Amino acid sequence: MLTLIETKFFIQVSSNLLFNLINMATADFAWDLIAEARFSEDAKNIRTRNHLKQVV
């Protein structure tokens, strides 16, 4: 049986681990969104450039 102090420590460690996992997942998701936005912007620039070449 765990004592009150051990239980409190276990809960604190568990919540810290969970918080860190959520932060890492959120940061990873944010980087994915940034990469997707950059890729989309690059693709749009290439399409515009190709269209201008066809017009001229």
C-alpha atoms as a PDB file:
ATOM      1  CA  MET A   1       0.000   0.000   0.000  1.00  0.00           C
ATOM      2  CA  LEU A   2       1.294   3.426  -0.897  1.00  0.00           C
ATOM      3  CA  THR A   3       1.567   6.116   1.711  1.00  0.00           C
ATOM      4  CA  LEU A   4      -0.041   9.486   1.184  1.00  0.00           C
ATOM      5  CA  ILE A   5       3.293  11.113   0.284  1.00  0.00           C
ATOM      6  CA  GLU A   6       4.133   8.361  -2.209  1.00  0.00           C
ATOM      7  CA  THR A   7       0.685   8.642  -3.774  1.00  0.00           C
ATOM      8  CA  LYS A   8       0.982  12.420  -4.050  1.00  0.00           C
ATOM      9  CA  PHE A   9       4.437  12.081  -5.624  1.00  0.00           C
ATOM     10  CA  PHE A  10       3.166   9.449  -8.085  1.00  0.00           C
ATOM     11  CA  ILE A  11       0.247  11.674  -9.117  1.00  0.00           C
ATOM     12  CA  GLN A  12       2.582  14.661  -9.568  1.00  0.00           C
ATOM     13  CA  VAL A  13       5.026  12.679 -11.732  1.00  0.00           C
ATOM     14  CA  SER A  14       2.189  11.196 -13.793  1.00  0.00           C
ATOM     15  CA  SER A  15       0.589  14.579 -14.406  1.00  0.00           C
ATOM     16  CA  ASN A  16       3.962  16.084 -15.378  1.00  0.00           C
ATOM     17  CA  LEU A  17       4.568  13.263 -17.864  1.00  0.00           C
ATOM     18  CA  LEU A  18       1.092  13.673 -19.330  1.00  0.00           C
ATOM     19  CA  PHE A  19       1.545  17.450 -19.567  1.00  0.00           C
ATOM     20  CA  ASN A  20       4.893  16.985 -21.361  1.00  0.00           C
ATOM     21  CA  LEU A  21       3.382  14.480 -23.801  1.00  0.00           C
ATOM     22  CA  ILE A  22       0.547  16.886 -24.611  1.00  0.00           C
ATOM     23  CA  ASN A  23       3.034  19.733 -25.121  1.00  0.00           C
ATOM     24  CA  MET A  24       5.197  17.623 -27.440  1.00  0.00           C
ATOM     25  CA  ALA A  25       2.181  16.496 -29.461  1.00  0.00           C
ATOM     26  CA  THR A  26       0.935  20.084 -29.737  1.00  0.00           C
ATOM     27  CA  ALA A  27       4.357  21.361 -30.816  1.00  0.00           C
ATOM     28  CA  ASP A  28       4.679  18.561 -33.366  1.00  0.00           C
ATOM     29  CA  PHE A  29       1.223  19.374 -34.741  1.00  0.00           C
ATOM     30  CA  ALA A  30       2.130  23.079 -34.945  1.00  0.00           C
ATOM     31  CA  TRP A  31       5.318  22.307 -36.888  1.00  0.00           C
ATOM     32  CA  ASP A  32       3.275  20.134 -39.271  1.00  0.00           C
ATOM     33  CA  LEU A  33       0.860  23.024 -39.837  1.00  0.00           C
ATOM     34  CA  ILE A  34       3.737  25.432 -40.488  1.00  0.00           C
ATOM     35  CA  ALA A  35       5.363  23.014 -42.946  1.00  0.00           C
ATOM     36  CA  GLU A  36       2.027  22.496 -44.711  1.00  0.00           C
ATOM     37  CA  ALA A  37       1.478  26.253 -44.984  1.00  0.00           C
ATOM     38  CA  ARG A  38       4.983  26.788 -46.395  1.00  0.00           C
ATOM     39  CA  PHE A  39       4.519  23.969 -48.907  1.00  0.00           C
ATOM     40  CA  SER A  40       1.149  25.385 -49.951  1.00  0.00           C
ATOM     41  CA  GLU A  41       2.639  28.875 -50.373  1.00  0.00           C
ATOM     42  CA  ASP A  42       5.533  27.491 -52.448  1.00  0.00           C
ATOM     43  CA  ALA A  43       3.110  25.541 -54.648  1.00  0.00           C
ATOM     44  CA  LYS A  44       1.002  28.664 -55.160  1.00  0.00           C
ATOM     45  CA  ASN A  45       4.092  30.693 -56.120  1.00  0.00           C
ATOM     46  CA  ILE A  46       5.174  28.021 -58.626  1.00  0.00           C
ATOM     47  CA  ARG A  47       1.697  27.911 -60.193  1.00  0.00           C
ATOM     48  CA  THR A  48       1.662  31.725 -60.472  1.00  0.00           C
ATOM     49  CA  ARG A  49       5.136  31.749 -62.012  1.00  0.00           C
ATOM     50  CA  ASN A  50       4.167  29.061 -64.540  1.00  0.00           C
ATOM     51  CA  HIS A  51       0.988  30.924 -65.415  1.00  0.00           C
ATOM     52  CA  LEU A  52       2.934  34.151 -65.988  1.00  0.00           C
ATOM     53  CA  LYS A  53       5.347  32.274 -68.276  1.00  0.00           C
ATOM     54  CA  GLN A  54       2.400  31.032 -70.344  1.00  0.00           C
ATOM     55  CA  VAL A  55       0.845  34.504 -70.563  1.00  0.00           C
ATOM     56  CA  VAL A  56       4.052  36.203 -71.732  1.00  0.00           C
END
